[in-house]
Protein backbone atom coordinates (compact mmCIF):
# COMPACT_ATOMS: atom_id res chain seq x y z
CA UNK A 1 155.31 54.58 328.83
CA UNK A 2 158.49 55.62 330.65
CA UNK A 3 160.07 52.38 329.43
CA UNK A 4 159.07 53.25 325.83
CA UNK A 5 160.60 56.70 326.19
CA UNK A 6 163.86 55.26 327.57
CA UNK A 7 164.01 52.69 324.73
CA UNK A 8 163.26 55.40 322.16
CA UNK A 9 166.04 57.55 323.62
CA UNK A 10 168.43 54.57 323.56
CA UNK A 11 167.51 53.80 319.93
CA UNK A 12 168.13 57.49 319.05
CA UNK A 13 171.46 57.39 320.89
CA UNK A 14 172.40 54.15 319.07
CA UNK A 15 171.40 55.73 315.72
CA UNK A 16 173.53 58.83 316.47
CA UNK A 17 176.52 56.65 317.44
CA UNK A 18 176.08 54.48 314.32
CA UNK A 19 175.99 57.65 312.17
CA UNK A 20 179.15 58.91 313.89
CA UNK A 21 180.92 55.58 313.33
CA UNK A 22 179.86 55.68 309.67
CA UNK A 23 181.12 59.28 309.39
CA UNK A 24 184.42 58.29 311.04
CA UNK A 25 184.76 55.33 308.64
CA UNK A 26 184.10 57.59 305.62
CA UNK A 27 186.65 60.15 306.84
CA UNK A 28 189.23 57.39 307.49
CA UNK A 29 188.66 56.07 303.95
CA UNK A 30 189.03 59.59 302.58
CA UNK A 31 192.30 60.10 304.48
CA UNK A 32 193.59 56.75 303.21
CA UNK A 33 192.64 57.69 299.64
CA UNK A 34 194.41 61.04 300.03
CA UNK A 35 197.49 59.24 301.40
CA UNK A 36 197.49 56.87 298.41
CA UNK A 37 197.10 59.77 295.95
CA UNK A 38 199.93 61.69 297.65
CA UNK A 39 202.13 58.60 297.42
CA UNK A 40 201.26 58.22 293.72
CA UNK A 41 202.12 61.88 293.09
CA UNK A 42 205.41 61.47 294.95
CA UNK A 43 206.30 58.33 292.97
CA UNK A 44 205.44 60.09 289.70
CA UNK A 45 207.57 63.08 290.73
CA UNK A 46 210.48 60.77 291.57
CA UNK A 47 210.05 59.02 288.21
CA UNK A 48 210.05 62.37 286.38
CA UNK A 49 213.14 63.56 288.28
CA UNK A 50 214.95 60.27 287.59
CA UNK A 51 214.08 60.68 283.92
CA UNK A 52 215.44 64.22 283.94
CA UNK A 53 218.66 63.07 285.62
CA UNK A 54 219.04 60.31 283.02
CA UNK A 55 218.41 62.81 280.23
CA UNK A 56 220.98 65.20 281.75
CA UNK A 57 223.48 62.33 282.00
CA UNK A 58 222.90 61.37 278.36
CA UNK A 59 223.28 64.99 277.23
CA UNK A 60 226.48 65.41 279.28
CA UNK A 61 227.82 62.20 277.74
CA UNK A 62 226.93 63.48 274.28
CA UNK A 63 228.65 66.83 274.94
CA UNK A 64 231.75 65.00 276.18
CA UNK A 65 231.73 62.81 273.06
CA UNK A 66 231.38 65.90 270.86
CA UNK A 67 234.28 67.57 272.73
CA UNK A 68 236.46 64.48 272.20
CA UNK A 69 235.54 64.35 268.49
CA UNK A 70 236.30 68.07 268.07
CA UNK A 71 239.65 67.54 269.79
CA UNK A 72 240.42 64.60 267.47
CA UNK A 73 239.53 66.69 264.41
CA UNK A 74 241.71 69.54 265.68
CA UNK A 75 244.65 67.18 266.29
CA UNK A 76 244.20 65.64 262.81
CA UNK A 77 244.06 69.11 261.27
CA UNK A 78 247.27 70.10 263.10
CA UNK A 79 248.93 66.86 261.91
CA UNK A 80 247.89 67.55 258.31
CA UNK A 81 249.14 71.14 258.50
CA UNK A 82 252.45 70.03 260.03
CA UNK A 83 252.78 67.48 257.22
CA UNK A 84 252.13 70.19 254.61
CA UNK A 85 254.72 72.48 256.21
CA UNK A 86 257.24 69.64 256.21
CA UNK A 87 256.44 68.90 252.56
CA UNK A 88 256.83 72.60 251.69
CA UNK A 89 260.17 72.69 253.56
CA UNK A 90 261.42 69.62 251.70
CA UNK A 91 260.33 71.07 248.36
CA UNK A 92 262.00 74.42 249.18
CA UNK A 93 265.20 72.57 250.14
CA UNK A 94 265.07 70.63 246.87
CA UNK A 95 264.57 73.83 244.86
CA UNK A 96 267.51 75.39 246.70
CA UNK A 97 269.59 72.27 246.03
CA UNK A 98 268.57 72.35 242.34
CA UNK A 99 269.47 76.05 242.18
CA UNK A 100 272.88 75.41 243.74
CA UNK A 101 273.54 72.55 241.30
CA UNK A 102 272.41 74.68 238.34
CA UNK A 103 274.83 77.42 239.46
CA UNK A 104 277.65 74.89 239.69
CA UNK A 105 276.89 73.62 236.19
CA UNK A 106 276.95 77.18 234.83
CA UNK A 107 280.38 77.85 236.25
């Protein structure tokens, strides 16, 4: 009878230890799963940030390209205006020359 009680106590102790080991295994699995999920979130965050940096780079490149194009248009406009002024000057000189020659002919 005493032997039965001791064996029953040992079986109960073994059952409690087996339950604890199972609980520890479940908690370890849960921690591992949480670690994996955290790593996934971190990777996704890094991917999003890299995408944002790439988008910012593209937008900065586009702004720079637009600035260069605007500068080219401005330079072209200045060139055209300078050409018009030169043309106007030449035409005014010619009119003055024509006027002078007309005066000479009248005299």
